[in-house]
Amino acid sequence: MEITNEYFDELVADGFVLIEFWAEWCQSCKMMVPVLDSIAETMSDQISVLKIDIEGSMNISEKCDVLNLPTMILFKDGTEVGRIVGAVPESKIMELIDGHYERNL
């Protein structure tokens, strides 16, 4: 799911949300599509996976201090609990998610 400025706070307010900040011109971002799609599919009952195009959502990018792409930020009840910058394997993102999800069960 792709989100815009007006819905950001509402969408990250409850539960676990992983947001990828990306741009159409970013080749590393394109590499992350199948990785994030896989996580979204396998963990749909535990976490929401969303995308924000920085070109159309500069306010959110600035608010979250996104300086490089892709940037994946994990939120828990509206608070950032983890961040990964750059194209990484699925296992690295799963480590981040599992580390925070398991602690909160």
C-alpha atoms as a PDB file:
ATOM      1  CA  MET A   1       0.000   0.000   0.000  1.00  0.00           C
ATOM      2  CA  GLU A   2       1.251   3.482  -0.819  1.00  0.00           C
ATOM      3  CA  ILE A   3       0.462   6.335   1.548  1.00  0.00           C
ATOM      4  CA  THR A   4       0.408  10.108   1.408  1.00  0.00           C
ATOM      5  CA  ASN A   5       1.017  12.951   3.879  1.00  0.00           C
ATOM      6  CA  GLU A   6      -2.504  13.235   5.254  1.00  0.00           C
ATOM      7  CA  TYR A   7      -2.760   9.586   6.364  1.00  0.00           C
ATOM      8  CA  PHE A   8       0.728   8.969   7.740  1.00  0.00           C
ATOM      9  CA  ASP A   9       0.130   9.509  11.479  1.00  0.00           C
ATOM     10  CA  GLU A  10      -3.112   7.545  11.373  1.00  0.00           C
ATOM     11  CA  LEU A  11      -1.539   4.574   9.584  1.00  0.00           C
ATOM     12  CA  VAL A  12       1.441   4.176  11.913  1.00  0.00           C
ATOM     13  CA  ALA A  13      -0.502   4.829  15.129  1.00  0.00           C
ATOM     14  CA  ASP A  14      -1.467   1.237  15.939  1.00  0.00           C
ATOM     15  CA  GLY A  15       0.554  -1.975  15.875  1.00  0.00           C
ATOM     16  CA  PHE A  16       3.599  -2.761  13.760  1.00  0.00           C
ATOM     17  CA  VAL A  17       4.095  -0.931  10.472  1.00  0.00           C
ATOM     18  CA  LEU A  18       7.089  -1.235   8.136  1.00  0.00           C
ATOM     19  CA  ILE A  19       7.406   1.687   5.731  1.00  0.00           C
ATOM     20  CA  GLU A  20       9.726   1.814   2.756  1.00  0.00           C
ATOM     21  CA  PHE A  21      10.697   5.272   1.563  1.00  0.00           C
ATOM     22  CA  TRP A  22      11.424   5.013  -2.158  1.00  0.00           C
ATOM     23  CA  ALA A  23      11.487   6.855  -5.482  1.00  0.00           C
ATOM     24  CA  GLU A  24      10.762   5.749  -9.045  1.00  0.00           C
ATOM     25  CA  TRP A  25      14.300   6.615 -10.163  1.00  0.00           C
ATOM     26  CA  CYS A  26      15.943   4.594  -7.359  1.00  0.00           C
ATOM     27  CA  GLN A  27      17.333   1.305  -8.701  1.00  0.00           C
ATOM     28  CA  SER A  28      18.005  -0.068  -5.200  1.00  0.00           C
ATOM     29  CA  CYS A  29      14.373   0.618  -4.337  1.00  0.00           C
ATOM     30  CA  LYS A  30      13.255  -1.454  -7.307  1.00  0.00           C
ATOM     31  CA  MET A  31      15.405  -4.329  -6.035  1.00  0.00           C
ATOM     32  CA  MET A  32      13.467  -4.256  -2.757  1.00  0.00           C
ATOM     33  CA  VAL A  33      10.016  -4.728  -4.358  1.00  0.00           C
ATOM     34  CA  PRO A  34      10.005  -8.556  -4.299  1.00  0.00           C
ATOM     35  CA  VAL A  35      11.556  -8.612  -0.815  1.00  0.00           C
ATOM     36  CA  LEU A  36       8.930  -6.318   0.679  1.00  0.00           C
ATOM     37  CA  ASP A  37       6.128  -8.019  -1.241  1.00  0.00           C
ATOM     38  CA  SER A  38       7.214 -11.338   0.264  1.00  0.00           C
ATOM     39  CA  ILE A  39       7.270  -9.901   3.794  1.00  0.00           C
ATOM     40  CA  ALA A  40       3.875  -8.246   3.271  1.00  0.00           C
ATOM     41  CA  GLU A  41       2.398 -11.547   2.124  1.00  0.00           C
ATOM     42  CA  THR A  42       3.902 -13.834   4.764  1.00  0.00           C
ATOM     43  CA  MET A  43       3.390 -11.473   7.722  1.00  0.00           C
ATOM     44  CA  SER A  44       0.076  -9.843   6.779  1.00  0.00           C
ATOM     45  CA  ASP A  45      -1.516 -10.835  10.096  1.00  0.00           C
ATOM     46  CA  GLN A  46       1.330  -9.353  12.169  1.00  0.00           C
ATOM     47  CA  ILE A  47       2.591  -6.248  10.378  1.00  0.00           C
ATOM     48  CA  SER A  48       1.517  -3.720   7.758  1.00  0.00           C
ATOM     49  CA  VAL A  49       4.016  -3.041   4.971  1.00  0.00           C
ATOM     50  CA  LEU A  50       3.592   0.352   3.313  1.00  0.00           C
ATOM     51  CA  LYS A  51       5.470   2.456   0.752  1.00  0.00           C
ATOM     52  CA  ILE A  52       6.013   6.196   0.587  1.00  0.00           C
ATOM     53  CA  ASP A  53       7.221   7.826  -2.631  1.00  0.00           C
ATOM     54  CA  ILE A  54       9.463  10.637  -1.408  1.00  0.00           C
ATOM     55  CA  GLU A  55       8.747  12.658  -4.539  1.00  0.00           C
ATOM     56  CA  GLY A  56       5.124  13.150  -3.482  1.00  0.00           C
ATOM     57  CA  SER A  57       5.591  13.071   0.286  1.00  0.00           C
ATOM     58  CA  MET A  58       8.502  15.333   1.156  1.00  0.00           C
ATOM     59  CA  ASN A  59       6.905  16.339   4.471  1.00  0.00           C
ATOM     60  CA  ILE A  60       6.870  12.741   5.707  1.00  0.00           C
ATOM     61  CA  SER A  61      10.412  12.108   4.456  1.00  0.00           C
ATOM     62  CA  GLU A  62      11.660  15.181   6.304  1.00  0.00           C
ATOM     63  CA  LYS A  63       9.666  14.320   9.438  1.00  0.00           C
ATOM     64  CA  CYS A  64      11.258  10.847   9.468  1.00  0.00           C
ATOM     65  CA  ASP A  65      14.741  12.196   8.641  1.00  0.00           C
ATOM     66  CA  VAL A  66      15.078  10.074   5.494  1.00  0.00           C
ATOM     67  CA  LEU A  67      18.378  10.943   3.813  1.00  0.00           C
ATOM     68  CA  ASN A  68      19.055   7.906   1.605  1.00  0.00           C
ATOM     69  CA  LEU A  69      16.994   5.453  -0.419  1.00  0.00           C
ATOM     70  CA  PRO A  70      15.650   2.981   0.125  1.00  0.00           C
ATOM     71  CA  THR A  71      15.005   3.498   3.821  1.00  0.00           C
ATOM     72  CA  MET A  72      12.798   1.033   5.690  1.00  0.00           C
ATOM     73  CA  ILE A  73      11.467   2.218   9.069  1.00  0.00           C
ATOM     74  CA  LEU A  74       9.694  -0.042  11.540  1.00  0.00           C
ATOM     75  CA  PHE A  75       7.059   1.676  13.700  1.00  0.00           C
ATOM     76  CA  LYS A  76       5.331   0.295  16.795  1.00  0.00           C
ATOM     77  CA  ASP A  77       2.235   2.215  17.890  1.00  0.00           C
ATOM     78  CA  GLY A  78       3.459   5.380  16.135  1.00  0.00           C
ATOM     79  CA  THR A  79       7.040   5.300  17.400  1.00  0.00           C
ATOM     80  CA  GLU A  80      10.060   4.390  15.295  1.00  0.00           C
ATOM     81  CA  VAL A  81      11.704   1.275  16.735  1.00  0.00           C
ATOM     82  CA  GLY A  82      14.143   0.407  13.946  1.00  0.00           C
ATOM     83  CA  ARG A  83      15.560   1.483  10.610  1.00  0.00           C
ATOM     84  CA  ILE A  84      17.441  -0.085   7.709  1.00  0.00           C
ATOM     85  CA  VAL A  85      19.003   1.961   4.927  1.00  0.00           C
ATOM     86  CA  GLY A  86      19.891   0.499   1.532  1.00  0.00           C
ATOM     87  CA  ALA A  87      19.005  -2.624  -0.386  1.00  0.00           C
ATOM     88  CA  VAL A  88      19.319  -5.607   1.942  1.00  0.00           C
ATOM     89  CA  PRO A  89      18.307  -9.273   1.891  1.00  0.00           C
ATOM     90  CA  GLU A  90      14.945 -10.306   3.315  1.00  0.00           C
ATOM     91  CA  SER A  91      16.688 -11.963   6.269  1.00  0.00           C
ATOM     92  CA  LYS A  92      18.046  -8.612   7.475  1.00  0.00           C
ATOM     93  CA  ILE A  93      14.582  -7.026   7.491  1.00  0.00           C
ATOM     94  CA  MET A  94      13.113 -10.109   9.181  1.00  0.00           C
ATOM     95  CA  GLU A  95      15.747  -9.830  11.944  1.00  0.00           C
ATOM     96  CA  LEU A  96      14.630  -6.268  12.604  1.00  0.00           C
ATOM     97  CA  ILE A  97      10.945  -7.200  12.628  1.00  0.00           C
ATOM     98  CA  ASP A  98      11.365 -10.371  14.677  1.00  0.00           C
ATOM     99  CA  GLY A  99      13.542  -8.625  17.251  1.00  0.00           C
ATOM    100  CA  HIS A 100      10.886  -6.036  18.022  1.00  0.00           C
ATOM    101  CA  TYR A 101       7.794  -8.153  17.443  1.00  0.00           C
ATOM    102  CA  GLU A 102       8.881 -10.964  19.760  1.00  0.00           C
ATOM    103  CA  ARG A 103       9.692  -8.504  22.568  1.00  0.00           C
ATOM    104  CA  ASN A 104       6.181  -7.102  22.407  1.00  0.00           C
ATOM    105  CA  LEU A 105       4.166 -10.331  22.507  1.00  0.00           C
END
